[in-house]
N, C-alpha and C. Protein backbone atom coordinates (compact mmCIF):
# COMPACT_ATOMS: atom_id res chain seq x y z
N MET A 1 0.61 -1.58 -0.08
CA MET A 1 -0.30 0.26 -0.28
C MET A 1 1.00 1.03 -0.21
N ASP A 2 0.48 2.08 -0.72
CA ASP A 2 1.58 3.00 -0.94
C ASP A 2 0.92 4.21 0.29
N ASN A 3 1.82 5.50 0.57
CA ASN A 3 1.70 6.78 1.05
C ASN A 3 0.43 7.12 1.52
N SER A 4 -0.55 7.53 0.19
CA SER A 4 -1.24 8.28 -0.15
C SER A 4 -2.73 7.15 0.08
N SER A 5 -2.63 6.43 -0.11
CA SER A 5 -3.36 5.20 0.57
C SER A 5 -3.24 4.97 1.91
N ASP A 6 -2.48 4.58 2.72
CA ASP A 6 -2.52 4.56 4.16
C ASP A 6 -2.99 6.26 4.33
N PHE A 7 -2.92 7.30 4.17
CA PHE A 7 -3.00 8.28 4.58
C PHE A 7 -4.49 8.51 4.09
N GLU A 8 -5.15 8.24 3.33
CA GLU A 8 -6.60 7.74 3.26
C GLU A 8 -7.33 6.79 4.22
N ARG A 9 -6.80 5.87 4.10
CA ARG A 9 -7.18 4.79 5.15
C ARG A 9 -7.18 5.68 6.78
N MET A 10 -6.17 6.38 7.13
CA MET A 10 -6.23 6.81 8.20
C MET A 10 -7.16 7.90 8.48
N LEU A 11 -7.31 9.05 7.51
CA LEU A 11 -8.24 9.69 7.66
C LEU A 11 -9.72 9.12 7.58
N PHE A 12 -9.96 8.10 6.80
CA PHE A 12 -11.16 7.53 6.98
C PHE A 12 -11.39 6.91 8.34
N PHE A 13 -10.45 6.22 9.18
CA PHE A 13 -11.02 5.59 10.13
C PHE A 13 -11.07 6.88 11.67
N GLU A 14 -10.15 7.69 11.04
CA GLU A 14 -10.00 8.44 12.06
C GLU A 14 -11.62 9.62 12.26
N HIS A 15 -12.15 9.86 10.88
CA HIS A 15 -13.69 10.36 10.39
C HIS A 15 -14.38 9.30 11.03
N ALA A 16 -14.28 8.10 11.00
CA ALA A 16 -15.22 6.73 11.83
C ALA A 16 -15.07 7.00 13.17
N ARG A 17 -14.19 7.40 13.96
CA ARG A 17 -13.77 7.47 15.46
C ARG A 17 -14.34 7.94 16.08
N LYS A 18 -14.31 9.53 15.32
CA LYS A 18 -14.96 10.58 15.78
C LYS A 18 -16.84 10.68 15.79
N ALA A 19 -16.88 10.08 14.31
CA ALA A 19 -18.67 9.62 14.55
C ALA A 19 -18.61 8.94 15.67
N ALA A 20 -18.00 7.70 15.92
CA ALA A 20 -18.94 6.93 16.89
C ALA A 20 -18.78 7.59 18.14
N GLU A 21 -17.62 8.44 18.26
CA GLU A 21 -17.72 8.59 19.49
C GLU A 21 -18.65 10.29 19.59
N SER A 22 -18.90 10.84 18.53
CA SER A 22 -20.30 11.48 18.90
C SER A 22 -21.77 11.00 18.84
N SER A 23 -21.51 10.02 18.25
CA SER A 23 -23.06 8.88 18.47
C SER A 23 -23.38 8.56 19.77
N TYR A 24 -21.98 7.95 20.47
CA TYR A 24 -22.05 7.29 21.80
C TYR A 24 -22.61 8.56 22.64
N ASN A 25 -22.52 9.80 22.63
CA ASN A 25 -23.10 10.98 23.51
C ASN A 25 -24.68 10.61 23.33
N GLU A 26 -24.82 10.53 22.14
CA GLU A 26 -26.81 10.47 21.91
C GLU A 26 -27.13 9.01 22.77
N ASP A 27 -26.48 7.83 22.55
CA ASP A 27 -26.82 6.18 22.71
C ASP A 27 -25.64 5.70 23.08
N PRO A 28 -25.29 6.13 24.29
CA PRO A 28 -24.05 5.01 25.01
C PRO A 28 -24.33 3.32 24.96
N LEU A 29 -25.27 3.05 24.61
CA LEU A 29 -25.90 1.21 24.43
C LEU A 29 -26.07 0.88 23.16
N ASP A 30 -25.40 1.90 22.14
CA ASP A 30 -25.53 1.60 20.98
C ASP A 30 -24.37 0.28 20.78
N VAL A 31 -24.65 -0.82 20.72
CA VAL A 31 -23.78 -2.37 20.29
C VAL A 31 -22.87 -2.16 18.95
N GLU A 32 -23.73 -1.63 17.99
CA GLU A 32 -23.11 -1.16 16.68
C GLU A 32 -21.99 -0.10 16.57
N ASN A 33 -22.48 0.74 16.96
CA ASN A 33 -21.93 1.89 17.40
C ASN A 33 -20.14 1.92 18.12
N LEU A 34 -20.40 1.44 19.29
CA LEU A 34 -19.29 0.96 20.00
C LEU A 34 -18.28 0.18 19.49
N THR A 35 -18.81 -1.03 18.46
CA THR A 35 -17.98 -1.47 17.93
C THR A 35 -17.32 -0.79 16.72
N ARG A 36 -18.09 -0.14 15.73
CA ARG A 36 -17.66 0.83 15.13
C ARG A 36 -16.01 1.51 15.12
N TRP A 37 -16.54 2.03 16.93
CA TRP A 37 -15.12 3.21 17.58
C TRP A 37 -14.01 2.23 17.97
N GLY A 38 -14.70 1.11 18.42
CA GLY A 38 -13.47 0.27 18.80
C GLY A 38 -13.16 -0.26 17.22
N GLY A 39 -13.91 -0.77 16.42
CA GLY A 39 -12.82 -1.14 15.42
C GLY A 39 -11.78 -0.11 14.39
N ALA A 40 -12.40 0.97 14.77
CA ALA A 40 -11.93 2.39 13.86
C ALA A 40 -10.28 2.90 14.92
N LEU A 41 -10.49 2.47 16.02
CA LEU A 41 -9.29 2.88 17.20
C LEU A 41 -8.47 1.59 16.88
N LEU A 42 -8.93 0.44 16.27
CA LEU A 42 -8.20 -0.82 16.30
C LEU A 42 -7.54 -0.55 14.56
N GLU A 43 -8.20 0.11 14.23
CA GLU A 43 -7.12 0.45 12.68
C GLU A 43 -6.21 1.51 13.09
N LEU A 44 -6.68 2.55 13.64
CA LEU A 44 -5.74 3.64 13.74
C LEU A 44 -4.47 3.27 14.45
N SER A 45 -4.79 1.94 15.34
CA SER A 45 -3.26 2.02 16.15
C SER A 45 -2.28 1.11 14.96
N GLN A 46 -2.48 1.07 13.92
CA GLN A 46 -1.59 0.93 13.07
C GLN A 46 -0.68 1.75 12.50
N TYR A 47 -0.97 3.12 12.14
CA TYR A 47 -0.13 4.29 12.17
C TYR A 47 0.23 4.78 13.48
N LYS A 48 0.32 4.29 14.39
CA LYS A 48 1.00 4.60 15.78
C LYS A 48 2.36 4.22 15.93
N SER A 49 3.17 4.87 17.20
CA SER A 49 4.04 4.27 17.89
C SER A 49 3.60 3.05 18.61
N VAL A 50 4.67 2.30 18.99
CA VAL A 50 3.98 1.21 19.63
C VAL A 50 3.14 1.67 21.18
N ALA A 51 3.99 2.77 21.50
CA ALA A 51 3.11 2.80 23.01
C ALA A 51 1.99 3.68 22.95
N GLU A 52 1.56 4.01 21.57
CA GLU A 52 0.24 5.05 20.80
C GLU A 52 -0.56 4.05 20.37
N ALA A 53 0.52 2.82 20.09
CA ALA A 53 -0.48 1.78 19.32
C ALA A 53 -1.21 0.73 20.83
N LYS A 54 0.04 0.68 21.56
CA LYS A 54 -1.21 -0.24 22.70
C LYS A 54 -2.41 0.37 23.77
N LYS A 55 -1.85 2.06 23.69
CA LYS A 55 -3.11 3.03 24.39
C LYS A 55 -4.12 2.80 23.68
N MET A 56 -4.04 2.90 22.18
CA MET A 56 -5.30 2.71 21.41
C MET A 56 -6.17 1.80 21.78
N LEU A 57 -5.24 0.43 21.47
CA LEU A 57 -5.69 -0.73 21.32
C LEU A 57 -6.40 -1.51 23.03
N ASP A 58 -5.89 -0.64 23.94
CA ASP A 58 -6.85 -0.70 25.08
C ASP A 58 -7.88 -0.08 25.43
N ASP A 59 -7.85 1.22 24.92
CA ASP A 59 -9.25 1.61 24.65
C ASP A 59 -9.99 0.73 23.79
N ALA A 60 -9.90 0.84 22.63
CA ALA A 60 -10.11 -0.32 21.49
C ALA A 60 -11.25 -1.44 22.57
N MET A 61 -10.44 -1.86 23.48
CA MET A 61 -10.81 -3.19 23.92
C MET A 61 -11.94 -2.81 24.55
N LEU A 62 -12.00 -1.61 25.80
CA LEU A 62 -12.79 -1.02 26.53
C LEU A 62 -14.26 -0.85 25.84
N LYS A 63 -14.14 -0.27 24.67
CA LYS A 63 -15.22 -0.11 23.86
C LYS A 63 -16.35 -1.76 23.49
N PHE A 64 -15.22 -2.51 23.04
CA PHE A 64 -15.95 -3.98 22.79
C PHE A 64 -16.23 -4.51 24.22
N ASP A 65 -15.75 -4.27 25.11
CA ASP A 65 -16.17 -4.44 26.37
C ASP A 65 -17.16 -4.01 26.58
N GLU A 66 -17.58 -2.79 26.72
CA GLU A 66 -18.61 -2.49 26.86
C GLU A 66 -20.01 -2.99 26.12
N ALA A 67 -19.72 -3.01 24.79
CA ALA A 67 -20.58 -3.35 23.75
C ALA A 67 -20.65 -5.11 23.84
N LEU A 68 -19.97 -5.71 24.77
CA LEU A 68 -20.28 -7.13 25.16
C LEU A 68 -21.22 -7.31 26.28
N MET A 69 -20.48 -6.09 27.14
CA MET A 69 -21.93 -6.04 28.28
C MET A 69 -23.23 -5.90 27.97
N ILE A 70 -23.13 -5.20 26.89
CA ILE A 70 -25.32 -5.06 26.34
C ILE A 70 -25.24 -6.45 25.58
N ASP A 71 -24.27 -7.02 25.14
CA ASP A 71 -25.08 -8.11 23.88
C ASP A 71 -23.62 -9.14 23.97
N PRO A 72 -23.72 -10.03 25.16
CA PRO A 72 -22.32 -10.92 24.97
C PRO A 72 -21.99 -12.04 24.21
N ASN A 73 -23.18 -11.99 23.28
CA ASN A 73 -22.98 -13.31 22.21
C ASN A 73 -23.16 -12.71 20.80
N LYS A 74 -22.55 -11.44 20.67
CA LYS A 74 -22.24 -10.20 19.39
C LYS A 74 -20.80 -11.17 18.56
N HIS A 75 -21.18 -12.15 18.01
CA HIS A 75 -19.79 -12.67 17.19
C HIS A 75 -19.16 -11.61 16.73
N ASN A 76 -19.41 -10.48 15.98
CA ASN A 76 -18.11 -9.48 15.16
C ASN A 76 -17.69 -9.20 16.51
N VAL A 77 -18.29 -8.56 17.60
CA VAL A 77 -17.39 -8.28 18.58
C VAL A 77 -16.14 -9.04 18.90
N LEU A 78 -16.73 -10.28 19.41
CA LEU A 78 -16.09 -11.31 19.95
C LEU A 78 -14.59 -11.23 19.42
N TRP A 79 -15.01 -11.36 18.21
CA TRP A 79 -13.88 -11.77 16.70
C TRP A 79 -12.99 -10.44 17.34
N CYS A 80 -13.88 -9.49 16.94
CA CYS A 80 -12.86 -8.06 16.94
C CYS A 80 -11.69 -7.73 18.05
N MET A 81 -12.24 -8.63 19.46
CA MET A 81 -11.91 -8.49 20.80
C MET A 81 -10.41 -9.29 20.70
N GLY A 82 -10.95 -10.84 19.45
CA GLY A 82 -9.50 -11.64 19.54
C GLY A 82 -8.51 -10.63 18.53
N ASN A 83 -8.67 -9.80 17.85
CA ASN A 83 -8.01 -9.14 17.08
C ASN A 83 -7.12 -7.89 17.81
N ALA A 84 -8.03 -7.67 18.56
CA ALA A 84 -7.31 -6.45 19.03
C ALA A 84 -6.56 -6.99 20.13
N ASN A 85 -6.41 -8.28 20.90
CA ASN A 85 -5.67 -8.82 21.95
C ASN A 85 -4.75 -9.75 21.07
N THR A 86 -4.59 -9.77 19.72
CA THR A 86 -3.52 -10.74 19.13
C THR A 86 -2.91 -9.28 18.53
N SER A 87 -3.22 -8.01 18.41
CA SER A 87 -2.33 -7.19 18.04
C SER A 87 -1.60 -6.53 19.34
N TYR A 88 -2.14 -6.29 20.24
CA TYR A 88 -1.51 -6.16 21.71
C TYR A 88 -0.39 -7.24 22.01
N ALA A 89 -0.49 -8.17 21.44
CA ALA A 89 0.43 -9.36 21.95
C ALA A 89 1.95 -9.53 20.89
N PHE A 90 1.44 -8.84 19.86
CA PHE A 90 2.68 -8.89 19.13
C PHE A 90 3.33 -7.49 19.00
N LEU A 91 2.55 -6.21 19.78
CA LEU A 91 3.49 -5.39 20.24
C LEU A 91 4.42 -5.33 21.36
N THR A 92 4.07 -6.67 22.09
CA THR A 92 4.75 -6.83 23.14
C THR A 92 5.99 -7.78 22.89
N PRO A 93 7.15 -7.14 23.19
CA PRO A 93 8.24 -8.02 23.16
C PRO A 93 8.58 -9.18 23.59
N ASN A 94 8.01 -9.08 25.10
CA ASN A 94 8.27 -9.87 25.86
C ASN A 94 7.45 -11.01 26.28
N THR A 95 7.59 -12.16 25.50
CA THR A 95 6.80 -13.44 25.18
C THR A 95 5.86 -14.12 26.13
N ASP A 96 6.30 -13.85 27.74
CA ASP A 96 5.96 -13.93 29.09
C ASP A 96 5.06 -12.79 29.01
N GLU A 97 4.70 -11.59 28.99
CA GLU A 97 4.32 -10.49 28.84
C GLU A 97 2.87 -10.86 27.46
N ALA A 98 3.08 -11.34 26.79
CA ALA A 98 2.46 -11.50 25.34
C ALA A 98 1.55 -12.38 25.66
N LYS A 99 1.78 -13.20 26.18
CA LYS A 99 1.24 -14.89 26.62
C LYS A 99 -0.31 -14.73 26.86
N PRO A 100 -0.19 -13.96 28.03
CA PRO A 100 -2.09 -13.83 28.20
C PRO A 100 -2.77 -13.28 26.98
N TYR A 101 -2.12 -12.30 26.59
CA TYR A 101 -3.08 -11.77 25.43
C TYR A 101 -3.40 -12.51 23.91
N PHE A 102 -2.13 -13.34 23.69
CA PHE A 102 -2.41 -14.28 22.73
C PHE A 102 -3.26 -15.52 23.24
N GLU A 103 -3.65 -16.22 24.38
CA GLU A 103 -4.73 -16.64 25.24
C GLU A 103 -6.05 -15.99 25.35
N LYS A 104 -5.94 -14.68 25.54
CA LYS A 104 -7.17 -14.27 25.77
C LYS A 104 -7.97 -14.20 23.87
N ALA A 105 -7.44 -13.94 23.41
CA ALA A 105 -7.44 -14.04 21.60
C ALA A 105 -8.06 -15.17 21.17
N VAL A 106 -7.49 -16.18 21.58
CA VAL A 106 -7.66 -17.55 21.13
C VAL A 106 -9.08 -18.09 21.86
N ASP A 107 -9.40 -17.28 23.02
CA ASP A 107 -10.66 -17.76 23.53
C ASP A 107 -11.99 -16.75 23.07
N TYR A 108 -11.38 -15.55 22.94
CA TYR A 108 -12.55 -14.87 21.92
C TYR A 108 -12.97 -14.80 20.62
N PHE A 109 -11.85 -15.84 19.87
CA PHE A 109 -12.04 -16.24 18.59
C PHE A 109 -12.75 -17.56 18.69
N SER A 110 -12.48 -18.51 19.95
CA SER A 110 -13.68 -19.76 20.22
C SER A 110 -14.87 -19.20 19.89
N GLN A 111 -14.93 -18.07 20.77
CA GLN A 111 -16.55 -17.35 21.45
C GLN A 111 -17.20 -17.29 20.24
N ALA A 112 -16.35 -16.86 19.44
CA ALA A 112 -17.03 -15.87 17.77
C ALA A 112 -17.25 -17.26 16.92
N VAL A 113 -16.70 -18.24 16.88
CA VAL A 113 -17.06 -19.61 16.17
C VAL A 113 -18.09 -20.41 16.83
N ASP A 114 -17.95 -20.20 17.88
CA ASP A 114 -19.15 -21.11 18.77
C ASP A 114 -20.11 -20.09 18.17
N ALA A 115 -20.56 -19.17 17.87
CA ALA A 115 -21.56 -18.01 18.00
C ALA A 115 -21.92 -18.20 16.30
N ASP A 116 -21.11 -17.99 15.78
CA ASP A 116 -21.24 -18.48 14.38
C ASP A 116 -20.31 -19.26 13.90
N GLY A 117 -20.81 -20.92 14.04
CA GLY A 117 -19.53 -21.47 13.19
C GLY A 117 -19.57 -21.33 11.34
N THR A 118 -20.22 -21.29 11.23
CA THR A 118 -20.59 -21.04 9.35
C THR A 118 -19.51 -19.70 8.81
N ASN A 119 -19.22 -18.89 9.67
CA ASN A 119 -18.25 -17.96 9.61
C ASN A 119 -16.98 -18.18 9.38
N GLU A 120 -16.02 -18.54 8.12
CA GLU A 120 -14.84 -18.82 8.00
C GLU A 120 -13.79 -18.01 8.10
N LEU A 121 -14.04 -17.06 8.13
CA LEU A 121 -12.87 -15.98 8.72
C LEU A 121 -12.94 -16.00 10.13
N TYR A 122 -14.11 -16.67 11.14
CA TYR A 122 -13.59 -16.65 12.72
C TYR A 122 -13.17 -17.99 12.71
N ARG A 123 -13.38 -18.57 11.94
CA ARG A 123 -12.54 -20.04 11.81
C ARG A 123 -11.23 -19.89 11.51
N LYS A 124 -10.40 -19.85 10.73
CA LYS A 124 -9.43 -19.02 9.90
C LYS A 124 -8.47 -18.40 11.04
N SER A 125 -9.14 -17.13 11.86
CA SER A 125 -8.96 -16.59 12.99
C SER A 125 -8.34 -17.51 13.88
N LEU A 126 -8.89 -18.50 14.56
CA LEU A 126 -8.99 -19.36 15.50
C LEU A 126 -7.66 -19.96 14.94
N GLU A 127 -7.66 -20.41 13.90
CA GLU A 127 -6.74 -21.59 13.41
C GLU A 127 -5.27 -20.40 13.59
N VAL A 128 -5.42 -19.37 13.04
CA VAL A 128 -4.16 -18.59 12.95
C VAL A 128 -3.95 -18.26 14.34
N ALA A 129 -4.70 -17.86 15.42
CA ALA A 129 -4.29 -17.72 16.73
C ALA A 129 -3.57 -18.95 17.20
N PHE A 130 -4.18 -19.59 17.09
CA PHE A 130 -3.21 -21.20 17.93
C PHE A 130 -1.40 -20.68 17.29
N LYS A 131 -1.55 -20.44 16.42
CA LYS A 131 0.02 -20.41 15.82
C LYS A 131 0.86 -19.20 15.75
N ALA A 132 -0.02 -18.24 16.40
CA ALA A 132 0.70 -16.70 17.00
C ALA A 132 1.48 -16.40 17.85
N PRO A 133 1.75 -17.46 19.18
CA PRO A 133 2.71 -17.50 20.06
C PRO A 133 4.37 -17.92 19.21
N GLU A 134 4.29 -18.66 18.32
CA GLU A 134 5.25 -18.94 17.79
C GLU A 134 5.86 -18.28 16.58
N LEU A 135 4.67 -17.38 15.83
CA LEU A 135 5.03 -16.34 14.76
C LEU A 135 5.70 -15.14 15.69
N HIS A 136 5.33 -14.99 17.09
CA HIS A 136 5.73 -13.87 17.70
C HIS A 136 7.32 -14.12 18.12
N LYS A 137 7.36 -15.19 18.52
CA LYS A 137 8.86 -15.58 18.92
C LYS A 137 10.11 -14.91 17.59
N GLN A 138 9.22 -15.61 16.48
CA GLN A 138 10.25 -15.38 15.53
C GLN A 138 10.07 -13.62 14.97
N VAL A 139 9.07 -13.24 14.78
CA VAL A 139 9.08 -11.59 14.66
C VAL A 139 10.23 -10.97 15.88
N HIS A 140 9.95 -11.31 17.00
CA HIS A 140 10.86 -10.99 18.27
C HIS A 140 12.19 -11.50 18.30
N LYS A 141 12.46 -12.26 17.85
CA LYS A 141 13.71 -12.94 17.58
C LYS A 141 15.02 -11.66 17.42
N GLU A 142 16.36 -11.86 17.91
CA GLU A 142 17.35 -11.11 18.11
C GLU A 142 16.71 -9.33 17.65
N GLY A 143 16.33 -8.71 18.93
CA GLY A 143 15.72 -7.68 18.47
C GLY A 143 14.49 -6.98 17.82
N GLY A 144 13.78 -7.77 17.53
CA GLY A 144 12.56 -7.88 16.72
C GLY A 144 12.11 -6.16 16.82
N LEU A 145 11.19 -6.11 15.78
CA LEU A 145 10.95 -5.22 15.26
C LEU A 145 10.06 -4.37 16.38
N ALA A 146 9.30 -4.82 17.21
CA ALA A 146 8.56 -3.89 18.10
C ALA A 146 9.84 -2.94 19.15
N GLU A 147 11.12 -3.76 19.33
CA GLU A 147 11.78 -3.56 20.15
C GLU A 147 12.57 -1.80 19.34
N ARG A 148 13.02 -2.26 17.81
CA ARG A 148 13.58 -1.45 16.98
C ARG A 148 12.34 0.16 16.77
N ALA A 149 11.00 -0.26 16.65
CA ALA A 149 10.22 0.74 17.00
C ALA A 149 10.59 1.75 18.25
N VAL A 150 10.36 1.11 19.11
CA VAL A 150 10.35 1.85 20.86
C VAL A 150 11.90 2.74 20.28
N LEU A 151 12.60 1.67 19.90
CA LEU A 151 14.01 2.82 19.97
C LEU A 151 14.16 3.60 18.40
N GLY A 152 13.55 3.36 17.88
CA GLY A 152 13.58 4.83 16.27
C GLY A 152 14.28 3.92 15.60
N GLU A 153 14.14 2.69 15.35
CA GLU A 153 15.28 2.68 14.48
C GLU A 153 14.14 1.72 13.08
N GLY A 154 14.67 1.57 11.99
CA GLY A 154 14.01 1.33 11.04
C GLY A 154 13.85 2.42 10.46
N PRO A 155 12.82 2.25 9.02
CA PRO A 155 12.50 3.55 7.99
C PRO A 155 11.88 4.88 8.85
N SER A 156 10.83 4.27 10.52
CA SER A 156 9.89 5.01 10.56
C SER A 156 9.38 4.49 12.19
N THR A 157 9.58 5.14 12.93
CA THR A 157 8.54 4.49 13.96
C THR A 157 7.54 3.92 13.77
N SER A 158 6.70 4.87 13.11
CA SER A 158 5.12 4.29 12.45
C SER A 158 5.13 3.03 11.59
N THR A 159 6.35 3.15 10.75
CA THR A 159 6.19 2.12 9.37
C THR A 159 6.91 1.01 10.37
N SER A 160 7.37 0.76 11.62
CA SER A 160 7.91 -0.10 11.95
C SER A 160 6.94 -0.65 12.90
N ALA A 161 5.85 0.07 13.54
CA ALA A 161 5.15 -0.49 14.50
C ALA A 161 4.16 -1.17 13.73
N LYS A 162 3.99 -0.45 12.29
CA LYS A 162 3.13 -1.23 11.38
C LYS A 162 3.35 -2.44 10.59
N VAL A 163 4.58 -2.49 10.53
CA VAL A 163 5.19 -3.74 10.00
C VAL A 163 4.93 -4.67 10.89
N VAL A 164 4.89 -4.65 12.56
CA VAL A 164 4.95 -5.30 13.75
C VAL A 164 3.52 -5.78 13.07
N TYR A 165 2.89 -5.15 13.35
CA TYR A 165 1.23 -4.89 13.53
C TYR A 165 0.59 -5.63 12.23
N THR A 166 1.19 -5.65 10.78
CA THR A 166 0.56 -6.39 9.88
C THR A 166 0.35 -7.74 10.30
N ILE A 167 1.16 -8.59 10.83
CA ILE A 167 0.87 -9.94 11.19
C ILE A 167 -0.36 -10.27 11.83
N PRO A 168 -0.67 -9.90 12.63
CA PRO A 168 -1.79 -10.16 13.21
C PRO A 168 -2.90 -9.88 12.55
N LEU A 169 -2.76 -8.65 12.00
CA LEU A 169 -4.65 -8.70 11.15
C LEU A 169 -4.45 -8.90 10.25
N LEU A 170 -3.49 -9.72 9.65
CA LEU A 170 -4.19 -10.90 8.30
C LEU A 170 -5.29 -11.09 8.20
N THR A 171 -5.51 -11.56 9.54
CA THR A 171 -6.93 -12.38 9.48
C THR A 171 -7.95 -11.97 8.91
N ARG A 172 -8.39 -10.63 8.90
CA ARG A 172 -9.02 -9.45 8.93
C ARG A 172 -9.44 -9.50 7.50
N LYS A 173 -8.34 -9.75 6.24
CA LYS A 173 -8.31 -9.57 5.06
C LYS A 173 -9.65 -10.63 4.39
């Protein structure tokens, strides 16, 4: 993806985030709006430094948690929560610290599959989630990408974070 496409994508999700935030003030119990807001934050986190991305992912997970408190069986929210946890784990270089996020991702993807077993994307996401910890080890071996992003090495901090980030988000394509 070229820089202009990235910029347009970032603008699109920033607009979606602001619209969802505004709608939330009118109806804080709108599950679809909470999901859109969390999804926009999840997407926007790809364009941030590691620290900013983690904060944005925390915020996304809070929105998904709010949605699940209203509708605990909303399968697309469960799937989004799995993606957010996977993404957070990949941005966490320490394997022991990343492990609980991978475990939560598997749990959320499993719940999404249980809620809608015909959804091939959910099934594939669950399959990939089981392999994610090993991929994480490979990515972070010998001063992995997230460490370089924190240190500001590589082409740019946001680009380095995005490279790390692309791995867990493949399940959405």
